[in-house]
């Protein structure tokens, strides 16, 4: 009796890497019969060494493929299409219908088994016949994908894929694409040698006449002198690479930089002519004044009962609770506004009065902007008492406080105003490393420079909570070794940070955000309040990267 062949039987009978690819695609949640309309094109770098090096080689290849029905697709090191060529109307129509176009991701987690994504996973050339694609919509095509490795670093710079409609596929594809990839790799090598020679010469000249830290950063290389190695951590270097991505066209630019140690430094950025994306960074640590204490005097401790309350304020997710606990004396009692909302005001008031009977330690009152007027009056009544523990309040932005919450905030002479994470990019590497240590499966799991680079480039509208969620997601995909870009959720793999806003733009952004909050997001009323047209308001919202409106 003959047995009916099921799709799973076909996978089992296929080559092993096809079966493994199907398993990965299934675990990633790729739909077998779904379309790819949800694929969102991302910005691509058409000036990277891969695109520049491959262009003349692919021009020649594509000229020879004219009229054959074949198409070429070049994927970058993140699996995104940076070049697509075809001259056959049926092939072009098929790829367009599938949304296979420049900027979209071809990774397996996005579209399942395919020539680019599977080559990335296996790190070897792959041949995918029509029925071997995981997604049924791709089974009209057969494709051959070949990784492109940089001859010096051996890192995969991208993947070249040649595809054709299933009925026109040819066994000549593998040797053809292998020769093409060899030519591209040779051009990468030649380009690197010229670029790195220019960068090395500039680095040697700068290091020879400077006692300060000097870094030379190219597309695929970082060089540091002894002073830089002593002064900078790996997180500092990763962030400096981000800061050096947009050097001045001519001359130098200088910016303030906070080291992982907390010390400030001045960083001068200079473009290196002849070096692809090459920059020199000179780092000079700022001198801090001496802290002199007269030898006959001992530090005077101010009694806790005489200290005014402290207010820690800022947008949600900026770390208000953590900062409050860090500032508080031990033992610390934390009272949450949620307790009053869930268990009643009487329970909260009882806990607060009990905590305030102590004459030492600290009481943290969380989210004063969510407390009732009755409870706020209770807290205000205890502020002026002589014998009480240290008081620390947390709240949203202070300018948004009203009524009794604003009155209570006014008693806090010391204010710690936290800014959004996007304005604290220099802190992201250290924060991410700390968060990873809390959730990683082992001490061996660590962040690679590329991931630190990507994390630093994000806007983080959800602030620390969002960063923690991304780190937790990435850590769950690695039991050991370095976390790679592919371990991050796709939308967090962008590695080019947005331009920093000027002081004037930040002021304008704050005014727009304030107007939108005042009118509950009504853009017509906000535009009227700001004295601008609604069209202008929409344009500035987009240009100033205002989200959640």
Protein backbone atom coordinates (compact mmCIF):
# COMPACT_ATOMS: atom_id res chain seq x y z
CA UNK A 1 0.00 0.00 0.00
CA UNK A 2 1.44 3.35 -0.98
CA UNK A 3 1.59 6.09 1.60
CA UNK A 4 0.51 9.65 0.99
CA UNK A 5 3.39 12.13 1.15
CA UNK A 6 2.82 15.03 3.57
CA UNK A 7 4.67 18.33 3.61
CA UNK A 8 6.56 17.23 6.72
CA UNK A 9 7.70 14.08 4.89
CA UNK A 10 9.11 16.24 2.13
CA UNK A 11 11.14 18.20 4.66
CA UNK A 12 12.48 15.04 6.23
CA UNK A 13 13.55 13.77 2.79
CA UNK A 14 15.20 17.06 1.87
CA UNK A 15 18.80 17.98 2.47
CA UNK A 16 19.55 18.51 6.16
CA UNK A 17 20.05 22.28 5.97
CA UNK A 18 16.63 22.67 4.35
CA UNK A 19 15.02 20.71 7.18
CA UNK A 20 16.84 22.83 9.78
CA UNK A 21 15.77 26.00 8.00
CA UNK A 22 12.13 24.90 8.09
CA UNK A 23 12.42 24.30 11.84
CA UNK A 24 13.89 27.76 12.41
CA UNK A 25 11.22 29.38 10.24
CA UNK A 26 8.46 27.59 12.13
CA UNK A 27 9.88 28.60 15.51
CA UNK A 28 10.11 32.21 14.32
CA UNK A 29 6.38 32.20 13.59
CA UNK A 30 6.62 32.61 9.80
CA UNK A 31 3.27 31.85 8.18
CA UNK A 32 3.39 29.11 5.54
CA UNK A 33 0.67 30.63 3.38
CA UNK A 34 1.00 34.29 4.36
CA UNK A 35 1.95 37.21 2.16
CA UNK A 36 4.86 39.57 2.75
CA UNK A 37 2.87 42.80 2.67
CA UNK A 38 3.87 43.42 6.29
CA UNK A 39 7.54 43.73 5.32
CA UNK A 40 8.59 47.34 5.89
CA UNK A 41 11.51 48.69 3.83
CA UNK A 42 14.24 50.20 6.00
CA UNK A 43 16.85 52.78 5.14
CA UNK A 44 19.85 51.28 3.38
CA UNK A 45 23.40 52.53 2.96
CA UNK A 46 24.19 52.78 -0.74
CA UNK A 47 27.69 54.11 0.03
CA UNK A 48 28.88 51.13 2.06
CA UNK A 49 31.90 49.16 0.85
CA UNK A 50 29.73 46.18 -0.18
CA UNK A 51 27.52 48.16 -2.57
CA UNK A 52 30.45 50.14 -4.00
CA UNK A 53 32.66 47.07 -4.37
CA UNK A 54 29.96 44.85 -5.88
CA UNK A 55 28.54 47.40 -8.35
CA UNK A 56 30.95 46.95 -11.30
CA UNK A 57 31.03 43.17 -10.87
CA UNK A 58 27.25 42.93 -10.80
CA UNK A 59 26.93 45.32 -13.74
CA UNK A 60 28.99 42.89 -15.80
CA UNK A 61 27.11 39.82 -14.52
CA UNK A 62 23.70 41.36 -15.14
CA UNK A 63 24.67 42.33 -18.67
CA UNK A 64 25.44 38.66 -19.37
CA UNK A 65 22.12 37.57 -17.80
CA UNK A 66 19.99 39.88 -19.92
CA UNK A 67 17.20 37.91 -21.57
CA UNK A 68 17.73 34.75 -19.51
CA UNK A 69 14.96 35.34 -16.93
CA UNK A 70 17.38 35.38 -14.01
CA UNK A 71 17.39 38.11 -11.36
CA UNK A 72 20.09 39.16 -8.90
CA UNK A 73 19.53 40.27 -5.30
CA UNK A 74 22.28 41.62 -3.06
CA UNK A 75 21.72 41.50 0.70
CA UNK A 76 23.82 43.46 3.19
CA UNK A 77 25.30 42.21 6.47
CA UNK A 78 21.89 42.65 8.17
CA UNK A 79 20.03 40.64 5.54
CA UNK A 80 18.37 43.65 3.90
CA UNK A 81 18.17 44.02 0.12
CA UNK A 82 20.49 46.78 -1.07
CA UNK A 83 20.28 46.00 -4.79
CA UNK A 84 17.80 44.12 -6.99
CA UNK A 85 18.04 43.59 -10.75
CA UNK A 86 15.78 41.84 -13.24
CA UNK A 87 14.81 42.31 -16.87
CA UNK A 88 12.08 39.70 -17.23
CA UNK A 89 8.52 41.08 -16.78
CA UNK A 90 7.24 37.85 -15.16
CA UNK A 91 10.10 37.77 -12.67
CA UNK A 92 9.74 41.47 -11.88
CA UNK A 93 5.99 41.15 -11.40
CA UNK A 94 6.43 38.13 -9.13
CA UNK A 95 9.01 39.84 -6.93
CA UNK A 96 6.98 43.04 -6.73
CA UNK A 97 3.84 41.14 -5.71
CA UNK A 98 5.84 39.48 -2.92
CA UNK A 99 7.16 42.87 -1.75
CA UNK A 100 10.74 41.67 -2.34
CA UNK A 101 12.29 45.08 -2.88
CA UNK A 102 15.19 47.23 -1.69
CA UNK A 103 15.23 47.82 2.06
CA UNK A 104 13.21 44.78 3.18
CA UNK A 105 14.66 42.00 5.33
CA UNK A 106 15.32 38.61 3.78
CA UNK A 107 16.21 36.90 7.06
CA UNK A 108 14.52 33.57 7.77
CA UNK A 109 12.61 35.06 10.68
CA UNK A 110 10.94 37.45 8.20
CA UNK A 111 10.14 35.26 5.17
CA UNK A 112 11.34 31.73 5.96
CA UNK A 113 13.72 29.60 3.90
CA UNK A 114 15.34 31.59 1.07
CA UNK A 115 18.67 32.09 -0.67
CA UNK A 116 19.80 35.10 1.38
CA UNK A 117 18.40 34.36 4.85
CA UNK A 118 19.36 30.67 4.83
CA UNK A 119 22.88 31.45 3.59
CA UNK A 120 23.22 33.84 6.52
CA UNK A 121 22.15 31.14 8.98
CA UNK A 122 24.30 28.33 7.56
CA UNK A 123 27.20 30.65 6.60
CA UNK A 124 27.62 28.50 3.47
CA UNK A 125 26.28 28.59 -0.11
CA UNK A 126 22.73 27.25 -0.39
CA UNK A 127 20.57 26.04 -3.26
CA UNK A 128 16.82 26.36 -2.64
CA UNK A 129 14.58 24.57 -5.13
CA UNK A 130 11.02 25.76 -5.60
CA UNK A 131 9.26 23.38 -3.18
CA UNK A 132 11.98 23.74 -0.56
CA UNK A 133 10.90 27.28 0.33
CA UNK A 134 9.04 27.33 3.64
CA UNK A 135 6.55 29.96 2.49
CA UNK A 136 4.32 28.71 -0.33
CA UNK A 137 4.34 32.12 -2.03
CA UNK A 138 8.09 31.72 -2.76
CA UNK A 139 7.75 28.32 -4.44
CA UNK A 140 7.48 29.84 -7.88
CA UNK A 141 11.20 30.55 -7.64
CA UNK A 142 14.45 28.62 -7.34
CA UNK A 143 17.45 30.48 -5.98
CA UNK A 144 21.10 30.14 -5.11
CA UNK A 145 22.64 32.21 -2.33
CA UNK A 146 26.34 32.64 -1.67
CA UNK A 147 27.84 34.50 1.35
CA UNK A 148 30.29 37.31 0.61
CA UNK A 149 33.14 37.35 3.12
CA UNK A 150 35.62 40.12 3.66
CA UNK A 151 39.03 38.56 2.84
CA UNK A 152 40.72 40.26 5.82
CA UNK A 153 38.16 40.00 8.62
CA UNK A 154 36.40 36.86 7.27
CA UNK A 155 33.17 38.52 8.37
CA UNK A 156 30.12 38.01 6.18
CA UNK A 157 29.52 41.35 4.47
CA UNK A 158 26.43 40.21 2.62
CA UNK A 159 24.91 37.52 0.41
CA UNK A 160 24.48 37.42 -3.36
CA UNK A 161 21.39 35.62 -4.60
CA UNK A 162 20.53 34.62 -8.17
CA UNK A 163 16.91 33.63 -8.62
CA UNK A 164 14.72 32.49 -11.46
CA UNK A 165 11.23 31.16 -12.00
CA UNK A 166 11.30 27.48 -11.11
CA UNK A 167 10.95 26.24 -14.69
CA UNK A 168 13.96 28.27 -15.90
CA UNK A 169 16.42 27.36 -13.12
CA UNK A 170 19.82 26.12 -14.30
CA UNK A 171 22.52 23.88 -12.79
CA UNK A 172 25.07 26.43 -14.01
CA UNK A 173 24.06 28.85 -11.24
CA UNK A 174 26.47 27.63 -8.50
CA UNK A 175 29.74 28.05 -10.45
CA UNK A 176 28.52 31.32 -11.97
CA UNK A 177 27.69 32.94 -8.64
CA UNK A 178 30.82 31.53 -6.96
CA UNK A 179 33.05 33.28 -9.52
CA UNK A 180 31.08 36.49 -9.11
CA UNK A 181 31.46 36.41 -5.33
CA UNK A 182 35.22 35.87 -5.67
CA UNK A 183 35.45 39.00 -7.82
CA UNK A 184 33.42 41.02 -5.29
CA UNK A 185 35.59 39.81 -2.41
CA UNK A 186 38.73 40.82 -4.31
CA UNK A 187 37.34 44.33 -4.78
CA UNK A 188 36.54 44.49 -1.06
CA UNK A 189 40.14 43.55 -0.32
CA UNK A 190 41.55 46.16 -2.72
CA UNK A 191 39.26 48.86 -1.33
CA UNK A 192 40.16 47.98 2.25
CA UNK A 193 43.87 48.14 1.57
CA UNK A 194 43.63 51.63 0.09
CA UNK A 195 41.26 52.83 2.84
CA UNK A 196 43.22 51.28 5.68
CA UNK A 197 46.54 52.64 4.40
CA UNK A 198 45.10 56.17 4.51
CA UNK A 199 43.62 55.59 7.95
CA UNK A 200 46.83 54.05 9.32
CA UNK A 201 48.94 56.94 8.05
CA UNK A 202 46.61 59.48 9.66
CA UNK A 203 46.57 57.52 12.93
CA UNK A 204 50.36 57.23 13.11
CA UNK A 205 50.78 60.95 12.47
CA UNK A 206 48.17 61.92 15.11
CA UNK A 207 49.51 59.48 17.71
CA UNK A 208 53.10 60.61 17.22
CA UNK A 209 52.34 64.20 18.17
CA UNK A 210 49.78 63.68 20.92
CA UNK A 211 50.04 62.40 24.48
CA UNK A 212 46.25 62.12 24.68
CA UNK A 213 43.94 59.30 23.63
CA UNK A 214 43.65 58.88 19.86
CA UNK A 215 41.35 56.52 17.98
CA UNK A 216 41.17 55.85 14.25
CA UNK A 217 37.83 54.39 13.19
CA UNK A 218 37.16 52.94 9.75
CA UNK A 219 34.36 50.88 8.31
CA UNK A 220 35.88 47.63 9.52
CA UNK A 221 38.69 48.61 11.86
CA UNK A 222 39.41 50.51 15.07
CA UNK A 223 42.92 51.54 16.10
CA UNK A 224 43.82 52.99 19.51
CA UNK A 225 47.04 54.30 21.01
CA UNK A 226 48.20 53.34 24.51
CA UNK A 227 46.55 56.37 26.12
CA UNK A 228 43.18 55.44 24.58
CA UNK A 229 43.48 51.82 25.71
CA UNK A 230 44.10 52.99 29.26
CA UNK A 231 41.39 55.65 29.33
CA UNK A 232 38.50 54.09 27.41
CA UNK A 233 36.34 51.04 28.07
CA UNK A 234 34.85 48.89 25.30
CA UNK A 235 31.53 50.67 25.85
CA UNK A 236 33.25 54.06 25.45
CA UNK A 237 34.80 52.93 22.18
CA UNK A 238 31.49 51.58 20.86
CA UNK A 239 29.77 54.89 21.61
CA UNK A 240 32.62 56.91 20.11
CA UNK A 241 32.17 54.95 16.89
CA UNK A 242 28.56 56.13 16.85
CA UNK A 243 29.58 59.74 17.47
CA UNK A 244 32.11 59.55 14.66
CA UNK A 245 29.60 58.42 12.03
CA UNK A 246 28.76 61.96 10.92
CA UNK A 247 32.10 63.79 10.76
CA UNK A 248 32.38 67.34 9.40
CA UNK A 249 32.95 67.67 5.65
CA UNK A 250 36.09 69.69 6.41
CA UNK A 251 37.85 70.81 9.55
CA UNK A 252 37.11 69.48 13.03
CA UNK A 253 34.12 69.27 15.33
CA UNK A 254 34.37 69.06 19.12
CA UNK A 255 31.79 67.65 21.49
CA UNK A 256 31.43 66.83 25.17
CA UNK A 257 31.50 63.14 26.07
CA UNK A 258 30.91 61.37 29.40
CA UNK A 259 33.15 58.35 29.95
CA UNK A 260 31.91 55.15 31.56
CA UNK A 261 33.82 56.22 34.68
CA UNK A 262 31.58 59.29 34.92
CA UNK A 263 34.37 61.73 34.01
CA UNK A 264 33.84 64.28 31.22
CA UNK A 265 36.04 64.52 28.15
CA UNK A 266 36.28 66.64 25.00
CA UNK A 267 36.24 64.66 21.76
CA UNK A 268 37.53 66.18 18.51
CA UNK A 269 36.33 64.43 15.35
CA UNK A 270 38.26 64.77 12.07
CA UNK A 271 37.43 63.14 8.73
CA UNK A 272 40.31 61.18 7.14
CA UNK A 273 40.53 61.78 3.37
CA UNK A 274 40.92 58.61 1.35
CA UNK A 275 39.65 56.33 4.13
CA UNK A 276 36.13 55.02 3.63
CA UNK A 277 34.14 56.34 6.60
CA UNK A 278 37.44 56.99 8.29
CA UNK A 279 37.66 59.41 11.21
CA UNK A 280 40.19 60.36 13.84
CA UNK A 281 38.92 60.96 17.36
CA UNK A 282 41.10 62.75 19.91
CA UNK A 283 39.86 62.35 23.48
CA UNK A 284 41.07 64.77 26.15
CA UNK A 285 39.81 64.14 29.69
CA UNK A 286 38.57 67.29 31.38
CA UNK A 287 40.52 68.29 34.48
CA UNK A 288 38.45 68.48 37.65
CA UNK A 289 39.26 70.93 40.41
CA UNK A 290 40.80 69.62 43.63
CA UNK A 291 38.44 68.79 46.49
CA UNK A 292 40.25 70.21 49.52
CA UNK A 293 39.18 69.46 53.06
CA UNK A 294 40.98 71.31 55.87
CA UNK A 295 42.97 68.65 57.75
CA UNK A 296 41.70 69.77 61.16
CA UNK A 297 38.04 69.51 60.15
CA UNK A 298 35.86 66.44 59.88
CA UNK A 299 32.93 66.32 57.42
CA UNK A 300 29.77 67.56 59.09
CA UNK A 301 26.75 65.32 58.71
CA UNK A 302 23.47 67.17 58.46
CA UNK A 303 20.81 65.45 60.55
CA UNK A 304 18.21 63.73 58.39
CA UNK A 305 15.37 65.47 60.25
CA UNK A 306 16.56 68.89 59.05
CA UNK A 307 16.80 67.93 55.39
CA UNK A 308 14.12 69.08 52.97
CA UNK A 309 12.43 66.42 50.83
CA UNK A 310 13.94 65.42 47.49
CA UNK A 311 11.92 65.16 44.27
CA UNK A 312 12.92 62.71 41.54
CA UNK A 313 10.88 63.52 38.44
CA UNK A 314 10.80 62.67 34.75
CA UNK A 315 8.86 60.82 32.03
CA UNK A 316 7.73 57.22 32.70
CA UNK A 317 10.47 54.64 32.35
CA UNK A 318 13.39 56.99 32.97
CA UNK A 319 14.39 55.18 36.18
CA UNK A 320 12.69 57.38 38.79
CA UNK A 321 12.18 54.52 41.26
CA UNK A 322 15.76 53.28 40.94
CA UNK A 323 17.19 56.78 41.32
CA UNK A 324 15.04 57.45 44.40
CA UNK A 325 16.26 54.27 46.08
CA UNK A 326 19.86 55.15 45.24
CA UNK A 327 19.49 58.56 46.91
CA UNK A 328 17.76 57.22 50.01
CA UNK A 329 19.36 56.32 53.32
CA UNK A 330 18.92 52.80 54.68
CA UNK A 331 16.58 51.34 55.74
CA UNK A 332 14.26 52.46 52.93
CA UNK A 333 10.48 52.11 52.91
CA UNK A 334 8.77 52.53 49.52
CA UNK A 335 5.10 53.50 49.32
CA UNK A 336 3.43 53.10 45.92
CA UNK A 337 0.42 55.09 44.72
CA UNK A 338 -0.90 51.82 43.28
CA UNK A 339 -1.43 50.56 46.85
CA UNK A 340 -3.93 53.35 47.49
CA UNK A 341 -5.69 52.65 44.19
CA UNK A 342 -5.91 48.88 44.72
CA UNK A 343 -6.22 48.49 48.52
CA UNK A 344 -7.73 51.83 49.51
CA UNK A 345 -6.51 55.13 50.90
CA UNK A 346 -6.83 53.96 54.52
CA UNK A 347 -4.28 51.16 54.05
CA UNK A 348 -1.83 53.52 52.34
CA UNK A 349 -2.25 56.18 55.06
CA UNK A 350 -1.66 53.62 57.79
CA UNK A 351 1.58 52.39 56.16
CA UNK A 352 2.79 55.96 55.63
CA UNK A 353 2.15 57.04 59.23
CA UNK A 354 3.86 53.90 60.53
CA UNK A 355 6.93 54.56 58.36
CA UNK A 356 7.11 58.21 59.45
CA UNK A 357 7.37 57.30 63.13
CA UNK A 358 11.00 56.42 62.57
CA UNK A 359 13.63 59.12 63.04
CA UNK A 360 16.14 57.64 60.58
CA UNK A 361 16.23 55.88 57.23
CA UNK A 362 14.21 56.96 54.23
CA UNK A 363 10.60 56.91 53.01
CA UNK A 364 10.08 57.01 49.24
CA UNK A 365 6.61 58.18 48.18
CA UNK A 366 6.14 56.96 44.60
CA UNK A 367 4.05 58.81 41.99
CA UNK A 368 2.74 61.73 44.03
CA UNK A 369 0.87 62.89 40.90
CA UNK A 370 -1.39 59.81 41.27
CA UNK A 371 -2.24 60.27 44.96
CA UNK A 372 -5.59 61.70 46.11
CA UNK A 373 -5.77 65.19 47.64
CA UNK A 374 -6.51 63.58 51.00
CA UNK A 375 -3.29 61.57 50.98
CA UNK A 376 -1.28 64.49 49.62
CA UNK A 377 -2.47 66.61 52.55
CA UNK A 378 -1.29 63.84 54.90
CA UNK A 379 2.19 63.85 53.36
CA UNK A 380 2.38 67.67 53.38
CA UNK A 381 1.51 67.64 57.09
CA UNK A 382 4.53 65.43 57.84
CA UNK A 383 7.07 67.44 55.81
CA UNK A 384 7.62 70.08 58.51
CA UNK A 385 7.95 67.68 61.44
CA UNK A 386 11.33 67.86 63.14
CA UNK A 387 11.81 64.19 63.85
CA UNK A 388 11.19 62.19 60.71
CA UNK A 389 13.07 60.02 58.21
CA UNK A 390 14.39 61.32 54.92
CA UNK A 391 11.58 61.96 52.41
CA UNK A 392 11.94 61.37 48.67
CA UNK A 393 9.07 61.86 46.20
CA UNK A 394 8.79 60.65 42.60
CA UNK A 395 6.56 62.11 39.92
CA UNK A 396 6.15 62.81 36.24
CA UNK A 397 7.70 65.98 34.73
CA UNK A 398 7.40 68.74 37.31
CA UNK A 399 5.87 71.23 34.87
CA UNK A 400 2.88 68.89 34.46
CA UNK A 401 2.08 68.78 38.21
CA UNK A 402 -1.01 70.65 39.41
CA UNK A 403 -2.92 71.32 42.63
CA UNK A 404 -1.71 69.68 45.83
CA UNK A 405 0.81 67.53 43.95
CA UNK A 406 2.50 70.75 42.76
CA UNK A 407 2.39 72.11 46.32
CA UNK A 408 4.05 69.01 47.71
CA UNK A 409 6.68 69.10 44.97
CA UNK A 410 7.36 72.71 45.95
CA UNK A 411 8.58 71.58 49.39
CA UNK A 412 11.39 69.61 47.72
CA UNK A 413 14.34 71.98 47.46
CA UNK A 414 16.52 69.25 45.93
CA UNK A 415 15.23 68.08 42.55
CA UNK A 416 16.62 65.31 40.39
CA UNK A 417 15.04 65.75 36.96
CA UNK A 418 15.61 62.70 34.75
CA UNK A 419 15.68 63.19 31.00
CA UNK A 420 14.55 60.64 28.38
CA UNK A 421 17.00 57.88 27.55
CA UNK A 422 17.44 59.26 24.01
CA UNK A 423 19.10 62.31 25.61
CA UNK A 424 21.46 60.09 27.65
CA UNK A 425 23.03 58.04 24.86
CA UNK A 426 26.40 57.92 26.60
CA UNK A 427 24.79 55.94 29.46
CA UNK A 428 23.19 53.28 27.25
CA UNK A 429 26.21 50.91 26.95
CA UNK A 430 26.65 50.72 30.75
CA UNK A 431 22.89 50.42 31.36
CA UNK A 432 22.53 47.65 28.79
CA UNK A 433 25.49 45.75 30.25
CA UNK A 434 24.02 45.96 33.76
CA UNK A 435 20.60 44.82 32.55
CA UNK A 436 22.13 41.91 30.64
CA UNK A 437 23.94 40.71 33.77
CA UNK A 438 20.55 40.50 35.50
CA UNK A 439 18.82 38.37 32.83
CA UNK A 440 21.57 36.45 30.98
CA UNK A 441 21.69 32.67 31.18
CA UNK A 442 25.41 32.72 32.02
CA UNK A 443 28.29 35.12 32.62
CA UNK A 444 29.57 34.21 29.16
CA UNK A 445 26.74 36.08 27.44
CA UNK A 446 27.85 39.57 26.40
CA UNK A 447 26.97 42.41 24.05
CA UNK A 448 28.97 42.65 20.83
CA UNK A 449 30.12 46.10 19.65
CA UNK A 450 27.59 46.00 16.81
CA UNK A 451 24.73 45.53 19.26
CA UNK A 452 26.00 48.31 21.55
CA UNK A 453 26.20 50.47 18.42
CA UNK A 454 22.57 49.64 17.49
CA UNK A 455 21.21 50.15 21.01
CA UNK A 456 22.85 53.54 21.22
CA UNK A 457 21.23 54.56 17.92
CA UNK A 458 17.62 54.09 19.09
CA UNK A 459 15.27 56.85 20.28
CA UNK A 460 13.82 54.72 23.15
CA UNK A 461 10.40 56.38 23.62
CA UNK A 462 9.74 53.80 26.36
CA UNK A 463 13.02 54.74 28.08
CA UNK A 464 14.60 52.22 30.50
CA UNK A 465 11.62 49.87 30.47
CA UNK A 466 11.85 49.53 26.71
CA UNK A 467 15.62 48.99 26.86
CA UNK A 468 15.16 46.31 29.54
CA UNK A 469 12.52 44.54 27.41
CA UNK A 470 14.85 44.48 24.38
CA UNK A 471 17.80 43.22 26.44
CA UNK A 472 15.62 40.48 27.97
CA UNK A 473 14.41 39.43 24.51
CA UNK A 474 17.97 39.26 23.13
CA UNK A 475 19.31 37.40 26.19
CA UNK A 476 16.63 34.76 25.75
CA UNK A 477 18.10 33.86 22.37
CA UNK A 478 21.63 33.21 23.62
CA UNK A 479 22.78 30.67 26.20
CA UNK A 480 26.43 31.68 25.72
CA UNK A 481 28.64 33.92 23.62
CA UNK A 482 28.06 37.32 22.11
CA UNK A 483 24.60 38.73 21.41
CA UNK A 484 24.45 39.63 17.71
CA UNK A 485 22.31 42.11 15.79
CA UNK A 486 20.08 39.25 14.62
CA UNK A 487 19.18 38.56 18.27
CA UNK A 488 17.55 41.99 18.60
CA UNK A 489 13.95 42.54 17.48
CA UNK A 490 14.10 43.62 13.85
CA UNK A 491 13.09 47.24 14.43
CA UNK A 492 16.02 47.71 16.82
CA UNK A 493 18.75 46.67 14.34
CA UNK A 494 19.11 50.13 12.79
CA UNK A 495 22.64 51.32 13.50
CA UNK A 496 22.51 54.95 12.37
CA UNK A 497 21.28 57.26 15.13
CA UNK A 498 19.12 60.21 14.32
CA UNK A 499 20.70 63.67 14.29
CA UNK A 500 20.89 65.25 17.75
CA UNK A 501 18.51 68.17 18.20
CA UNK A 502 19.89 71.67 18.73
CA UNK A 503 19.01 73.66 21.86
CA UNK A 504 16.45 75.64 19.86
CA UNK A 505 14.91 72.48 18.40
CA UNK A 506 14.65 70.89 21.86
CA UNK A 507 12.85 74.01 23.13
CA UNK A 508 10.47 73.86 20.16
CA UNK A 509 9.91 70.16 20.74
CA UNK A 510 9.08 70.78 24.41
CA UNK A 511 6.58 73.51 23.45
CA UNK A 512 4.82 71.24 20.97
CA UNK A 513 4.70 68.32 23.41
CA UNK A 514 3.33 70.63 26.13
CA UNK A 515 0.57 71.94 23.82
CA UNK A 516 -0.40 68.44 22.74
CA UNK A 517 -0.61 67.31 26.36
CA UNK A 518 -2.68 70.36 27.31
CA UNK A 519 -5.24 69.57 24.61
CA UNK A 520 -5.17 65.76 25.01
CA UNK A 521 -3.48 65.22 21.66
CA UNK A 522 -5.88 67.45 19.67
CA UNK A 523 -3.56 68.76 16.96
CA UNK A 524 -5.99 71.41 15.67
CA UNK A 525 -6.22 73.09 19.07
CA UNK A 526 -2.50 72.60 19.73
CA UNK A 527 -1.63 74.26 16.40
CA UNK A 528 -3.91 77.20 17.24
CA UNK A 529 -2.26 77.55 20.67
CA UNK A 530 1.22 77.48 19.09
CA UNK A 531 0.29 79.97 16.38
CA UNK A 532 1.06 77.66 13.46
CA UNK A 533 -0.94 75.86 10.80
CA UNK A 534 -1.89 72.23 11.28
CA UNK A 535 0.27 71.28 8.27
CA UNK A 536 3.29 72.99 9.84
CA UNK A 537 2.59 71.23 13.14
CA UNK A 538 2.49 67.81 11.45
CA UNK A 539 5.76 68.59 9.68
CA UNK A 540 7.51 69.64 12.90
CA UNK A 541 6.17 66.59 14.76
CA UNK A 542 7.82 64.40 12.14
CA UNK A 543 11.06 66.39 11.92
CA UNK A 544 11.49 66.61 15.70
CA UNK A 545 10.74 62.89 16.16
CA UNK A 546 7.77 63.42 18.49
CA UNK A 547 6.05 60.08 19.08
CA UNK A 548 2.93 58.96 20.92
CA UNK A 549 0.85 61.87 19.58
